[in-house]
């Protein structure tokens, strides 16, 4: 039965196939998806402004540059 379970599609995933897209994950927060434990963790979406999304992306880029040295 379709529609009972929310699905997060990545950039290489299929199109939404006509299903309603209720939220998207901003680029600066995509890394968090890799930290989710299936069946135990809960995801909550939060509305962010364009400015907040850009700030998250810049913060992620800065952190990556810091780690790389």
C-alpha atoms as a PDB file:
ATOM      1  CA  UNK A   1       0.000   0.000   0.000  1.00  0.00           C
ATOM      2  CA  UNK A   2       1.512   3.329  -1.014  1.00  0.00           C
ATOM      3  CA  UNK A   3       1.474   6.344   1.218  1.00  0.00           C
ATOM      4  CA  UNK A   4       1.810   4.644   4.603  1.00  0.00           C
ATOM      5  CA  UNK A   5       5.528   5.266   4.962  1.00  0.00           C
ATOM      6  CA  UNK A   6       7.392   8.459   4.236  1.00  0.00           C
ATOM      7  CA  UNK A   7      10.339   8.045   1.894  1.00  0.00           C
ATOM      8  CA  UNK A   8      13.348  10.313   1.447  1.00  0.00           C
ATOM      9  CA  UNK A   9      14.605  10.227  -2.117  1.00  0.00           C
ATOM     10  CA  UNK A  10      18.193  11.201  -2.764  1.00  0.00           C
ATOM     11  CA  UNK A  11      19.509  13.060  -5.807  1.00  0.00           C
ATOM     12  CA  UNK A  12      20.044   9.757  -7.634  1.00  0.00           C
ATOM     13  CA  UNK A  13      16.628   8.405  -6.671  1.00  0.00           C
ATOM     14  CA  UNK A  14      13.582   8.141  -8.897  1.00  0.00           C
ATOM     15  CA  UNK A  15      11.117  10.968  -9.429  1.00  0.00           C
ATOM     16  CA  UNK A  16       8.285  11.323  -6.940  1.00  0.00           C
ATOM     17  CA  UNK A  17       6.093   9.424  -9.404  1.00  0.00           C
ATOM     18  CA  UNK A  18       3.066  11.616  -8.892  1.00  0.00           C
ATOM     19  CA  UNK A  19       3.118  11.390  -5.106  1.00  0.00           C
ATOM     20  CA  UNK A  20       2.889  14.551  -3.049  1.00  0.00           C
ATOM     21  CA  UNK A  21       6.249  15.984  -1.962  1.00  0.00           C
ATOM     22  CA  UNK A  22       5.665  17.447   1.487  1.00  0.00           C
ATOM     23  CA  UNK A  23       9.221  18.469   2.367  1.00  0.00           C
ATOM     24  CA  UNK A  24      12.778  18.567   1.114  1.00  0.00           C
ATOM     25  CA  UNK A  25      16.080  18.330   2.941  1.00  0.00           C
ATOM     26  CA  UNK A  26      18.316  21.362   2.469  1.00  0.00           C
ATOM     27  CA  UNK A  27      21.809  20.633   1.166  1.00  0.00           C
ATOM     28  CA  UNK A  28      23.503  21.672   4.405  1.00  0.00           C
ATOM     29  CA  UNK A  29      21.559  19.048   6.371  1.00  0.00           C
ATOM     30  CA  UNK A  30      21.732  16.053   4.013  1.00  0.00           C
ATOM     31  CA  UNK A  31      24.748  14.649   5.884  1.00  0.00           C
ATOM     32  CA  UNK A  32      22.456  14.013   8.848  1.00  0.00           C
ATOM     33  CA  UNK A  33      20.487  11.428   6.866  1.00  0.00           C
ATOM     34  CA  UNK A  34      23.514   9.136   6.971  1.00  0.00           C
ATOM     35  CA  UNK A  35      23.374   9.165  10.759  1.00  0.00           C
ATOM     36  CA  UNK A  36      19.828   7.792  11.013  1.00  0.00           C
ATOM     37  CA  UNK A  37      19.325   4.343  12.516  1.00  0.00           C
ATOM     38  CA  UNK A  38      16.566   2.529  10.607  1.00  0.00           C
ATOM     39  CA  UNK A  39      13.569   1.623  12.701  1.00  0.00           C
ATOM     40  CA  UNK A  40      14.670   3.537  15.789  1.00  0.00           C
ATOM     41  CA  UNK A  41      15.270   7.187  14.897  1.00  0.00           C
ATOM     42  CA  UNK A  42      12.606   9.768  14.163  1.00  0.00           C
ATOM     43  CA  UNK A  43      12.981  12.565  11.642  1.00  0.00           C
ATOM     44  CA  UNK A  44      11.270  15.889  12.162  1.00  0.00           C
ATOM     45  CA  UNK A  45      11.235  18.455   9.426  1.00  0.00           C
ATOM     46  CA  UNK A  46      11.547  22.124  10.312  1.00  0.00           C
ATOM     47  CA  UNK A  47      10.760  25.036   8.041  1.00  0.00           C
ATOM     48  CA  UNK A  48      13.813  27.153   7.254  1.00  0.00           C
ATOM     49  CA  UNK A  49      14.193  30.340   5.282  1.00  0.00           C
ATOM     50  CA  UNK A  50      16.398  30.614   2.227  1.00  0.00           C
ATOM     51  CA  UNK A  51      18.894  32.540   4.342  1.00  0.00           C
ATOM     52  CA  UNK A  52      18.991  29.752   6.961  1.00  0.00           C
ATOM     53  CA  UNK A  53      19.490  27.128   4.239  1.00  0.00           C
ATOM     54  CA  UNK A  54      22.370  29.113   2.767  1.00  0.00           C
ATOM     55  CA  UNK A  55      23.916  29.572   6.225  1.00  0.00           C
ATOM     56  CA  UNK A  56      23.703  25.805   6.875  1.00  0.00           C
ATOM     57  CA  UNK A  57      25.387  25.122   3.541  1.00  0.00           C
ATOM     58  CA  UNK A  58      28.171  27.618   4.234  1.00  0.00           C
ATOM     59  CA  UNK A  59      28.712  26.230   7.739  1.00  0.00           C
ATOM     60  CA  UNK A  60      28.985  22.716   6.318  1.00  0.00           C
ATOM     61  CA  UNK A  61      31.451  23.868   3.650  1.00  0.00           C
ATOM     62  CA  UNK A  62      33.534  25.645   6.318  1.00  0.00           C
ATOM     63  CA  UNK A  63      33.578  22.552   8.532  1.00  0.00           C
ATOM     64  CA  UNK A  64      34.639  20.326   5.630  1.00  0.00           C
ATOM     65  CA  UNK A  65      37.427  22.766   4.711  1.00  0.00           C
ATOM     66  CA  UNK A  66      38.546  22.798   8.370  1.00  0.00           C
ATOM     67  CA  UNK A  67      38.676  19.002   8.544  1.00  0.00           C
ATOM     68  CA  UNK A  68      40.564  18.753   5.261  1.00  0.00           C
ATOM     69  CA  UNK A  69      43.111  21.239   6.562  1.00  0.00           C
END
